[in-house]
Amino acid sequence: MVIEFEGEIIYWRGPAPFLFVAVPEEPSQNIKAISGMVSYGWDVIPVHVRIGDTEWKTSLFPKDGRYLVPIKMIVQNSENLEVGDRVSIQLAVG
């Protein structure tokens, strides 16, 4: 499953401070529907992500009925991203 969307970069001081983009509600529901086939536990979903010219592997995790995409520091630096920026994201789930 490939999903494309735009979202705002947010800061969340969870287990480790990080920047994230929330997957919109409808795609989050679609991901949840297949989570049993792709999750490796705790409803965490492995994905390939692309923002701009940067691609990486990470895992989505659930928060408040949606999934969050972690934006790694190397991605923040290479794409010159910060809190509040709107980005276009492509996710390949699984």
PDB file of N, CA and C in Angstrom:
ATOM      1  N   MET A   1       0.847  -1.171   0.000  1.00  0.00           N
ATOM      2  CA  MET A   1       0.000   0.000   0.000  1.00  0.00           C
ATOM      3  C   MET A   1       0.893   1.236   0.000  1.00  0.00           C
ATOM      4  N   VAL A   2       0.647   2.137  -0.958  1.00  0.00           N
ATOM      5  CA  VAL A   2       1.375   3.401  -1.023  1.00  0.00           C
ATOM      6  C   VAL A   2       0.389   4.530  -0.744  1.00  0.00           C
ATOM      7  N   ILE A   3       0.779   5.423   0.137  1.00  0.00           N
ATOM      8  CA  ILE A   3      -0.071   6.540   0.553  1.00  0.00           C
ATOM      9  C   ILE A   3       0.711   7.830   0.356  1.00  0.00           C
ATOM     10  N   GLU A   4       0.062   8.826  -0.223  1.00  0.00           N
ATOM     11  CA  GLU A   4       0.669  10.146  -0.359  1.00  0.00           C
ATOM     12  C   GLU A   4      -0.232  11.171   0.316  1.00  0.00           C
ATOM     13  N   PHE A   5       0.377  12.076   1.057  1.00  0.00           N
ATOM     14  CA  PHE A   5      -0.389  13.109   1.750  1.00  0.00           C
ATOM     15  C   PHE A   5       0.521  14.271   2.114  1.00  0.00           C
ATOM     16  N   GLU A   6      -0.087  15.373   2.521  1.00  0.00           N
ATOM     17  CA  GLU A   6       0.643  16.521   3.048  1.00  0.00           C
ATOM     18  C   GLU A   6       0.301  16.675   4.519  1.00  0.00           C
ATOM     19  N   GLY A   7       1.274  17.116   5.286  1.00  0.00           N
ATOM     20  CA  GLY A   7       1.032  17.329   6.702  1.00  0.00           C
ATOM     21  C   GLY A   7       2.021  18.313   7.290  1.00  0.00           C
ATOM     22  N   GLU A   8       1.697  18.765   8.485  1.00  0.00           N
ATOM     23  CA  GLU A   8       2.537  19.725   9.199  1.00  0.00           C
ATOM     24  C   GLU A   8       3.462  18.990  10.159  1.00  0.00           C
ATOM     25  N   ILE A   9       4.702  19.422  10.198  1.00  0.00           N
ATOM     26  CA  ILE A   9       5.667  18.835  11.126  1.00  0.00           C
ATOM     27  C   ILE A   9       5.367  19.348  12.530  1.00  0.00           C
ATOM     28  N   ILE A  10       5.268  18.405  13.464  1.00  0.00           N
ATOM     29  CA  ILE A  10       4.990  18.735  14.861  1.00  0.00           C
ATOM     30  C   ILE A  10       6.108  18.194  15.746  1.00  0.00           C
ATOM     31  N   TYR A  11       6.224  18.774  16.923  1.00  0.00           N
ATOM     32  CA  TYR A  11       7.165  18.301  17.939  1.00  0.00           C
ATOM     33  C   TYR A  11       6.356  17.558  18.985  1.00  0.00           C
ATOM     34  N   TRP A  12       6.818  16.381  19.350  1.00  0.00           N
ATOM     35  CA  TRP A  12       6.158  15.637  20.416  1.00  0.00           C
ATOM     36  C   TRP A  12       7.218  15.120  21.360  1.00  0.00           C
ATOM     37  N   ARG A  13       7.084  15.467  22.600  1.00  0.00           N
ATOM     38  CA  ARG A  13       8.042  15.032  23.615  1.00  0.00           C
ATOM     39  C   ARG A  13       7.536  13.733  24.218  1.00  0.00           C
ATOM     40  N   GLY A  14       7.647  12.685  23.425  1.00  0.00           N
ATOM     41  CA  GLY A  14       7.241  11.360  23.878  1.00  0.00           C
ATOM     42  C   GLY A  14       8.416  10.691  24.553  1.00  0.00           C
ATOM     43  N   PRO A  15       8.603   9.396  24.279  1.00  0.00           N
ATOM     44  CA  PRO A  15       9.720   8.674  24.886  1.00  0.00           C
ATOM     45  C   PRO A  15      11.065   9.321  24.545  1.00  0.00           C
ATOM     46  N   ALA A  16      11.156   9.897  23.347  1.00  0.00           N
ATOM     47  CA  ALA A  16      12.348  10.642  22.948  1.00  0.00           C
ATOM     48  C   ALA A  16      11.866  11.835  22.128  1.00  0.00           C
ATOM     49  N   PRO A  17      12.408  13.014  22.364  1.00  0.00           N
ATOM     50  CA  PRO A  17      11.974  14.173  21.582  1.00  0.00           C
ATOM     51  C   PRO A  17      12.242  13.936  20.099  1.00  0.00           C
ATOM     52  N   PHE A  18      11.281  14.233  19.279  1.00  0.00           N
ATOM     53  CA  PHE A  18      11.399  13.972  17.858  1.00  0.00           C
ATOM     54  C   PHE A  18      10.401  14.836  17.120  1.00  0.00           C
ATOM     55  N   LEU A  19      10.615  14.995  15.834  1.00  0.00           N
ATOM     56  CA  LEU A  19       9.634  15.649  14.981  1.00  0.00           C
ATOM     57  C   LEU A  19       8.843  14.576  14.253  1.00  0.00           C
ATOM     58  N   PHE A  20       7.562  14.861  14.036  1.00  0.00           N
ATOM     59  CA  PHE A  20       6.652  13.899  13.425  1.00  0.00           C
ATOM     60  C   PHE A  20       5.712  14.605  12.473  1.00  0.00           C
ATOM     61  N   VAL A  21       5.084  13.807  11.607  1.00  0.00           N
ATOM     62  CA  VAL A  21       3.941  14.247  10.817  1.00  0.00           C
ATOM     63  C   VAL A  21       2.849  13.219  11.049  1.00  0.00           C
ATOM     64  N   ALA A  22       1.639  13.690  11.351  1.00  0.00           N
ATOM     65  CA  ALA A  22       0.512  12.783  11.572  1.00  0.00           C
ATOM     66  C   ALA A  22      -0.086  12.373  10.231  1.00  0.00           C
ATOM     67  N   VAL A  23      -0.305  11.075  10.075  1.00  0.00           N
ATOM     68  CA  VAL A  23      -1.002  10.563   8.896  1.00  0.00           C
ATOM     69  C   VAL A  23      -2.469  10.981   9.038  1.00  0.00           C
ATOM     70  N   PRO A  24      -3.091  11.499   7.971  1.00  0.00           N
ATOM     71  CA  PRO A  24      -4.501  11.894   8.071  1.00  0.00           C
ATOM     72  C   PRO A  24      -5.403  10.733   8.499  1.00  0.00           C
ATOM     73  N   GLU A  25      -6.601  11.078   8.942  1.00  0.00           N
ATOM     74  CA  GLU A  25      -7.511  10.098   9.533  1.00  0.00           C
ATOM     75  C   GLU A  25      -7.857   8.940   8.591  1.00  0.00           C
ATOM     76  N   GLU A  26      -8.273   9.228   7.367  1.00  0.00           N
ATOM     77  CA  GLU A  26      -8.687   8.144   6.464  1.00  0.00           C
ATOM     78  C   GLU A  26      -7.544   7.188   6.128  1.00  0.00           C
ATOM     79  N   PRO A  27      -6.357   7.691   5.715  1.00  0.00           N
ATOM     80  CA  PRO A  27      -5.258   6.752   5.488  1.00  0.00           C
ATOM     81  C   PRO A  27      -4.862   5.991   6.761  1.00  0.00           C
ATOM     82  N   SER A  28      -4.968   6.636   7.922  1.00  0.00           N
ATOM     83  CA  SER A  28      -4.667   5.934   9.179  1.00  0.00           C
ATOM     84  C   SER A  28      -5.620   4.762   9.377  1.00  0.00           C
ATOM     85  N   GLN A  29      -6.898   4.953   9.038  1.00  0.00           N
ATOM     86  CA  GLN A  29      -7.869   3.858   9.150  1.00  0.00           C
ATOM     87  C   GLN A  29      -7.528   2.732   8.180  1.00  0.00           C
ATOM     88  N   ASN A  30      -7.081   3.089   6.972  1.00  0.00           N
ATOM     89  CA  ASN A  30      -6.685   2.069   5.996  1.00  0.00           C
ATOM     90  C   ASN A  30      -5.476   1.282   6.484  1.00  0.00           C
ATOM     91  N   ILE A  31      -4.523   1.970   7.084  1.00  0.00           N
ATOM     92  CA  ILE A  31      -3.345   1.296   7.642  1.00  0.00           C
ATOM     93  C   ILE A  31      -3.767   0.383   8.788  1.00  0.00           C
ATOM     94  N   LYS A  32      -4.622   0.884   9.658  1.00  0.00           N
ATOM     95  CA  LYS A  32      -5.109   0.081  10.788  1.00  0.00           C
ATOM     96  C   LYS A  32      -5.770  -1.203  10.293  1.00  0.00           C
ATOM     97  N   ALA A  33      -6.495  -1.117   9.166  1.00  0.00           N
ATOM     98  CA  ALA A  33      -7.201  -2.281   8.624  1.00  0.00           C
ATOM     99  C   ALA A  33      -6.246  -3.399   8.212  1.00  0.00           C
ATOM    100  N   ILE A  34      -5.014  -3.056   7.828  1.00  0.00           N
ATOM    101  CA  ILE A  34      -4.055  -4.094   7.427  1.00  0.00           C
ATOM    102  C   ILE A  34      -2.957  -4.301   8.465  1.00  0.00           C
ATOM    103  N   SER A  35      -3.077  -3.639   9.601  1.00  0.00           N
ATOM    104  CA  SER A  35      -2.004  -3.680  10.603  1.00  0.00           C
ATOM    105  C   SER A  35      -1.679  -5.089  11.071  1.00  0.00           C
ATOM    106  N   GLY A  36      -2.668  -5.956  11.148  1.00  0.00           N
ATOM    107  CA  GLY A  36      -2.414  -7.327  11.584  1.00  0.00           C
ATOM    108  C   GLY A  36      -1.497  -8.092  10.652  1.00  0.00           C
ATOM    109  N   MET A  37      -1.468  -7.690   9.382  1.00  0.00           N
ATOM    110  CA  MET A  37      -0.623  -8.366   8.397  1.00  0.00           C
ATOM    111  C   MET A  37       0.783  -7.789   8.329  1.00  0.00           C
ATOM    112  N   VAL A  38       0.961  -6.540   8.766  1.00  0.00           N
ATOM    113  CA  VAL A  38       2.260  -5.889   8.589  1.00  0.00           C
ATOM    114  C   VAL A  38       2.953  -5.481   9.885  1.00  0.00           C
ATOM    115  N   SER A  39       2.227  -5.410  10.987  1.00  0.00           N
ATOM    116  CA  SER A  39       2.813  -4.962  12.250  1.00  0.00           C
ATOM    117  C   SER A  39       3.713  -6.033  12.849  1.00  0.00           C
ATOM    118  N   TYR A  40       4.775  -5.587  13.513  1.00  0.00           N
ATOM    119  CA  TYR A  40       5.620  -6.530  14.243  1.00  0.00           C
ATOM    120  C   TYR A  40       5.336  -6.459  15.736  1.00  0.00           C
ATOM    121  N   GLY A  41       4.218  -5.861  16.107  1.00  0.00           N
ATOM    122  CA  GLY A  41       3.794  -5.799  17.503  1.00  0.00           C
ATOM    123  C   GLY A  41       3.451  -4.393  17.931  1.00  0.00           C
ATOM    124  N   TRP A  42       2.612  -4.274  18.938  1.00  0.00           N
ATOM    125  CA  TRP A  42       2.207  -2.995  19.525  1.00  0.00           C
ATOM    126  C   TRP A  42       1.596  -2.038  18.498  1.00  0.00           C
ATOM    127  N   ASP A  43       1.088  -2.572  17.402  1.00  0.00           N
ATOM    128  CA  ASP A  43       0.476  -1.782  16.325  1.00  0.00           C
ATOM    129  C   ASP A  43       1.477  -0.844  15.655  1.00  0.00           C
ATOM    130  N   VAL A  44       2.763  -1.176  15.731  1.00  0.00           N
ATOM    131  CA  VAL A  44       3.819  -0.414  15.070  1.00  0.00           C
ATOM    132  C   VAL A  44       3.947  -0.943  13.643  1.00  0.00           C
ATOM    133  N   ILE A  45       4.003  -0.034  12.665  1.00  0.00           N
ATOM    134  CA  ILE A  45       3.933  -0.398  11.254  1.00  0.00           C
ATOM    135  C   ILE A  45       5.223  -0.007  10.526  1.00  0.00           C
ATOM    136  N   PRO A  46       5.949  -0.980   9.942  1.00  0.00           N
ATOM    137  CA  PRO A  46       7.151  -0.641   9.175  1.00  0.00           C
ATOM    138  C   PRO A  46       6.776   0.035   7.850  1.00  0.00           C
ATOM    139  N   VAL A  47       7.523   1.079   7.492  1.00  0.00           N
ATOM    140  CA  VAL A  47       7.258   1.822   6.258  1.00  0.00           C
ATOM    141  C   VAL A  47       8.558   2.298   5.609  1.00  0.00           C
ATOM    142  N   HIS A  48       8.477   2.562   4.309  1.00  0.00           N
ATOM    143  CA  HIS A  48       9.495   3.316   3.577  1.00  0.00           C
ATOM    144  C   HIS A  48       8.884   4.697   3.367  1.00  0.00           C
ATOM    145  N   VAL A  49       9.640   5.736   3.652  1.00  0.00           N
ATOM    146  CA  VAL A  49       9.128   7.106   3.591  1.00  0.00           C
ATOM    147  C   VAL A  49       9.963   7.916   2.610  1.00  0.00           C
ATOM    148  N   ARG A  50       9.288   8.833   1.937  1.00  0.00           N
ATOM    149  CA  ARG A  50       9.993   9.782   1.069  1.00  0.00           C
ATOM    150  C   ARG A  50       9.446  11.181   1.324  1.00  0.00           C
ATOM    151  N   ILE A  51      10.372  12.100   1.592  1.00  0.00           N
ATOM    152  CA  ILE A  51      10.083  13.534   1.637  1.00  0.00           C
ATOM    153  C   ILE A  51      11.128  14.190   0.748  1.00  0.00           C
ATOM    154  N   GLY A  52      10.676  14.912  -0.267  1.00  0.00           N
ATOM    155  CA  GLY A  52      11.626  15.548  -1.183  1.00  0.00           C
ATOM    156  C   GLY A  52      12.506  14.511  -1.844  1.00  0.00           C
ATOM    157  N   ASP A  53      13.823  14.708  -1.736  1.00  0.00           N
ATOM    158  CA  ASP A  53      14.781  13.778  -2.334  1.00  0.00           C
ATOM    159  C   ASP A  53      15.274  12.728  -1.347  1.00  0.00           C
ATOM    160  N   THR A  54      14.729  12.717  -0.139  1.00  0.00           N
ATOM    161  CA  THR A  54      15.224  11.838   0.920  1.00  0.00           C
ATOM    162  C   THR A  54      14.265  10.682   1.167  1.00  0.00           C
ATOM    163  N   GLU A  55      14.822   9.462   1.182  1.00  0.00           N
ATOM    164  CA  GLU A  55      14.051   8.253   1.479  1.00  0.00           C
ATOM    165  C   GLU A  55      14.689   7.540   2.658  1.00  0.00           C
ATOM    166  N   TRP A  56      13.855   6.922   3.495  1.00  0.00           N
ATOM    167  CA  TRP A  56      14.368   6.166   4.623  1.00  0.00           C
ATOM    168  C   TRP A  56      13.338   5.155   5.090  1.00  0.00           C
ATOM    169  N   LYS A  57      13.809   4.221   5.917  1.00  0.00           N
ATOM    170  CA  LYS A  57      12.936   3.239   6.556  1.00  0.00           C
ATOM    171  C   LYS A  57      12.701   3.673   7.990  1.00  0.00           C
ATOM    172  N   THR A  58      11.479   3.500   8.446  1.00  0.00           N
ATOM    173  CA  THR A  58      11.139   3.795   9.831  1.00  0.00           C
ATOM    174  C   THR A  58       9.887   3.008  10.179  1.00  0.00           C
ATOM    175  N   SER A  59       9.297   3.321  11.295  1.00  0.00           N
ATOM    176  CA  SER A  59       8.048   2.679  11.703  1.00  0.00           C
ATOM    177  C   SER A  59       7.065   3.736  12.170  1.00  0.00           C
ATOM    178  N   LEU A  60       5.822   3.585  11.730  1.00  0.00           N
ATOM    179  CA  LEU A  60       4.736   4.423  12.222  1.00  0.00           C
ATOM    180  C   LEU A  60       4.315   3.890  13.572  1.00  0.00           C
ATOM    181  N   PHE A  61       3.848   4.769  14.431  1.00  0.00           N
ATOM    182  CA  PHE A  61       3.239   4.259  15.646  1.00  0.00           C
ATOM    183  C   PHE A  61       1.957   5.016  15.920  1.00  0.00           C
ATOM    184  N   PRO A  62       1.011   4.339  16.585  1.00  0.00           N
ATOM    185  CA  PRO A  62      -0.313   4.930  16.779  1.00  0.00           C
ATOM    186  C   PRO A  62      -0.326   5.982  17.882  1.00  0.00           C
ATOM    187  N   LYS A  63      -1.143   7.019  17.643  1.00  0.00           N
ATOM    188  CA  LYS A  63      -1.388   8.034  18.671  1.00  0.00           C
ATOM    189  C   LYS A  63      -2.737   8.679  18.367  1.00  0.00           C
ATOM    190  N   ASP A  64      -3.652   8.565  19.318  1.00  0.00           N
ATOM    191  CA  ASP A  64      -4.964   9.211  19.225  1.00  0.00           C
ATOM    192  C   ASP A  64      -5.726   8.852  17.948  1.00  0.00           C
ATOM    193  N   GLY A  65      -5.700   7.570  17.573  1.00  0.00           N
ATOM    194  CA  GLY A  65      -6.464   7.098  16.424  1.00  0.00           C
ATOM    195  C   GLY A  65      -5.817   7.342  15.074  1.00  0.00           C
ATOM    196  N   ARG A  66      -4.620   7.885  15.084  1.00  0.00           N
ATOM    197  CA  ARG A  66      -3.881   8.121  13.844  1.00  0.00           C
ATOM    198  C   ARG A  66      -2.488   7.532  14.011  1.00  0.00           C
ATOM    199  N   TYR A  67      -1.698   7.610  12.958  1.00  0.00           N
ATOM    200  CA  TYR A  67      -0.313   7.161  13.025  1.00  0.00           C
ATOM    201  C   TYR A  67       0.609   8.365  12.864  1.00  0.00           C
ATOM    202  N   LEU A  68       1.758   8.302  13.525  1.00  0.00           N
ATOM    203  CA  LEU A  68       2.773   9.345  13.418  1.00  0.00           C
ATOM    204  C   LEU A  68       3.959   8.826  12.620  1.00  0.00           C
ATOM    205  N   VAL A  69       4.467   9.680  11.724  1.00  0.00           N
ATOM    206  CA  VAL A  69       5.666   9.385  10.939  1.00  0.00           C
ATOM    207  C   VAL A  69       6.832  10.110  11.601  1.00  0.00           C
ATOM    208  N   PRO A  70       7.818   9.376  12.145  1.00  0.00           N
ATOM    209  CA  PRO A  70       8.988  10.045  12.725  1.00  0.00           C
ATOM    210  C   PRO A  70       9.861  10.654  11.627  1.00  0.00           C
ATOM    211  N   ILE A  71      10.271  11.893  11.824  1.00  0.00           N
ATOM    212  CA  ILE A  71      11.147  12.577  10.875  1.00  0.00           C
ATOM    213  C   ILE A  71      12.539  12.624  11.503  1.00  0.00           C
ATOM    214  N   LYS A  72      13.403  11.730  11.055  1.00  0.00           N
ATOM    215  CA  LYS A  72      14.738  11.598  11.645  1.00  0.00           C
ATOM    216  C   LYS A  72      15.567  12.867  11.447  1.00  0.00           C
ATOM    217  N   MET A  73      16.531  13.055  12.324  1.00  0.00           N
ATOM    218  CA  MET A  73      17.389  14.238  12.281  1.00  0.00           C
ATOM    219  C   MET A  73      18.102  14.359  10.934  1.00  0.00           C
ATOM    220  N   ILE A  74      18.574  13.261  10.390  1.00  0.00           N
ATOM    221  CA  ILE A  74      19.271  13.323   9.098  1.00  0.00           C
ATOM    222  C   ILE A  74      18.335  13.824   7.998  1.00  0.00           C
ATOM    223  N   VAL A  75      17.054  13.476   8.090  1.00  0.00           N
ATOM    224  CA  VAL A  75      16.059  13.949   7.120  1.00  0.00           C
ATOM    225  C   VAL A  75      15.781  15.431   7.350  1.00  0.00           C
ATOM    226  N   GLN A  76      15.645  15.816   8.612  1.00  0.00           N
ATOM    227  CA  GLN A  76      15.420  17.231   8.936  1.00  0.00           C
ATOM    228  C   GLN A  76      16.536  18.090   8.341  1.00  0.00           C
ATOM    229  N   ASN A  77      17.771  17.625   8.500  1.00  0.00           N
ATOM    230  CA  ASN A  77      18.919  18.387   8.009  1.00  0.00           C
ATOM    231  C   ASN A  77      18.993  18.389   6.485  1.00  0.00           C
ATOM    232  N   SER A  78      18.822  17.228   5.863  1.00  0.00           N
ATOM    233  CA  SER A  78      18.980  17.151   4.407  1.00  0.00           C
ATOM    234  C   SER A  78      17.868  17.877   3.659  1.00  0.00           C
ATOM    235  N   GLU A  79      16.678  17.943   4.245  1.00  0.00           N
ATOM    236  CA  GLU A  79      15.543  18.618   3.600  1.00  0.00           C
ATOM    237  C   GLU A  79      15.262  19.995   4.209  1.00  0.00           C
ATOM    238  N   ASN A  80      16.107  20.414   5.175  1.00  0.00           N
ATOM    239  CA  ASN A  80      15.968  21.723   5.827  1.00  0.00           C
ATOM    240  C   ASN A  80      14.566  21.898   6.426  1.00  0.00           C
ATOM    241  N   LEU A  81      14.175  20.960   7.277  1.00  0.00           N
ATOM    242  CA  LEU A  81      12.834  20.930   7.861  1.00  0.00           C
ATOM    243  C   LEU A  81      12.848  21.367   9.315  1.00  0.00           C
ATOM    244  N   GLU A  82      11.739  21.986   9.728  1.00  0.00           N
ATOM    245  CA  GLU A  82      11.578  22.342  11.135  1.00  0.00           C
ATOM    246  C   GLU A  82      10.099  22.327  11.495  1.00  0.00           C
ATOM    247  N   VAL A  83       9.824  22.447  12.782  1.00  0.00           N
ATOM    248  CA  VAL A  83       8.451  22.432  13.287  1.00  0.00           C
ATOM    249  C   VAL A  83       7.624  23.492  12.556  1.00  0.00           C
ATOM    250  N   GLY A  84       6.420  23.085  12.142  1.00  0.00           N
ATOM    251  CA  GLY A  84       5.506  23.996  11.467  1.00  0.00           C
ATOM    252  C   GLY A  84       5.554  23.930   9.952  1.00  0.00           C
ATOM    253  N   ASP A  85       6.623  23.356   9.396  1.00  0.00           N
ATOM    254  CA  ASP A  85       6.697  23.212   7.941  1.00  0.00           C
ATOM    255  C   ASP A  85       5.643  22.224   7.458  1.00  0.00           C
ATOM    256  N   ARG A  86       5.079  22.483   6.270  1.00  0.00           N
ATOM    257  CA  ARG A  86       4.181  21.525   5.616  1.00  0.00           C
ATOM    258  C   ARG A  86       5.008  20.751   4.599  1.00  0.00           C
ATOM    259  N   VAL A  87       4.837  19.436   4.607  1.00  0.00           N
ATOM    260  CA  VAL A  87       5.613  18.580   3.714  1.00  0.00           C
ATOM    261  C   VAL A  87       4.692  17.613   2.982  1.00  0.00           C
ATOM    262  N   SER A  88       5.142  17.193   1.807  1.00  0.00           N
ATOM    263  CA  SER A  88       4.485  16.122   1.065  1.00  0.00           C
ATOM    264  C   SER A  88       5.215  14.835   1.399  1.00  0.00           C
ATOM    265  N   ILE A  89       4.452  13.817   1.762  1.00  0.00           N
ATOM    266  CA  ILE A  89       5.024  12.543   2.194  1.00  0.00           C
ATOM    267  C   ILE A  89       4.481  11.417   1.334  1.00  0.00           C
ATOM    268  N   GLN A  90       5.372  10.498   0.988  1.00  0.00           N
ATOM    269  CA  GLN A  90       4.966   9.255   0.345  1.00  0.00           C
ATOM    270  C   GLN A  90       5.366   8.119   1.278  1.00  0.00           C
ATOM    271  N   LEU A  91       4.397   7.271   1.623  1.00  0.00           N
ATOM    272  CA  LEU A  91       4.631   6.114   2.494  1.00  0.00           C
ATOM    273  C   LEU A  91       4.374   4.839   1.714  1.00  0.00           C
ATOM    274  N   ALA A  92       5.278   3.898   1.807  1.00  0.00           N
ATOM    275  CA  ALA A  92       5.044   2.545   1.312  1.00  0.00           C
ATOM    276  C   ALA A  92       4.965   1.663   2.552  1.00  0.00           C
ATOM    277  N   VAL A  93       3.795   1.115   2.806  1.00  0.00           N
ATOM    278  CA  VAL A  93       3.542   0.347   4.027  1.00  0.00           C
ATOM    279  C   VAL A  93       3.952  -1.102   3.828  1.00  0.00           C
ATOM    280  N   GLY A  94       4.641  -1.646   4.857  1.00  0.00           N
ATOM    281  CA  GLY A  94       4.962  -3.067   4.848  1.00  0.00           C
ATOM    282  C   GLY A  94       6.341  -3.408   4.417  1.00  0.00           C
TER     283      GLY A  94
END
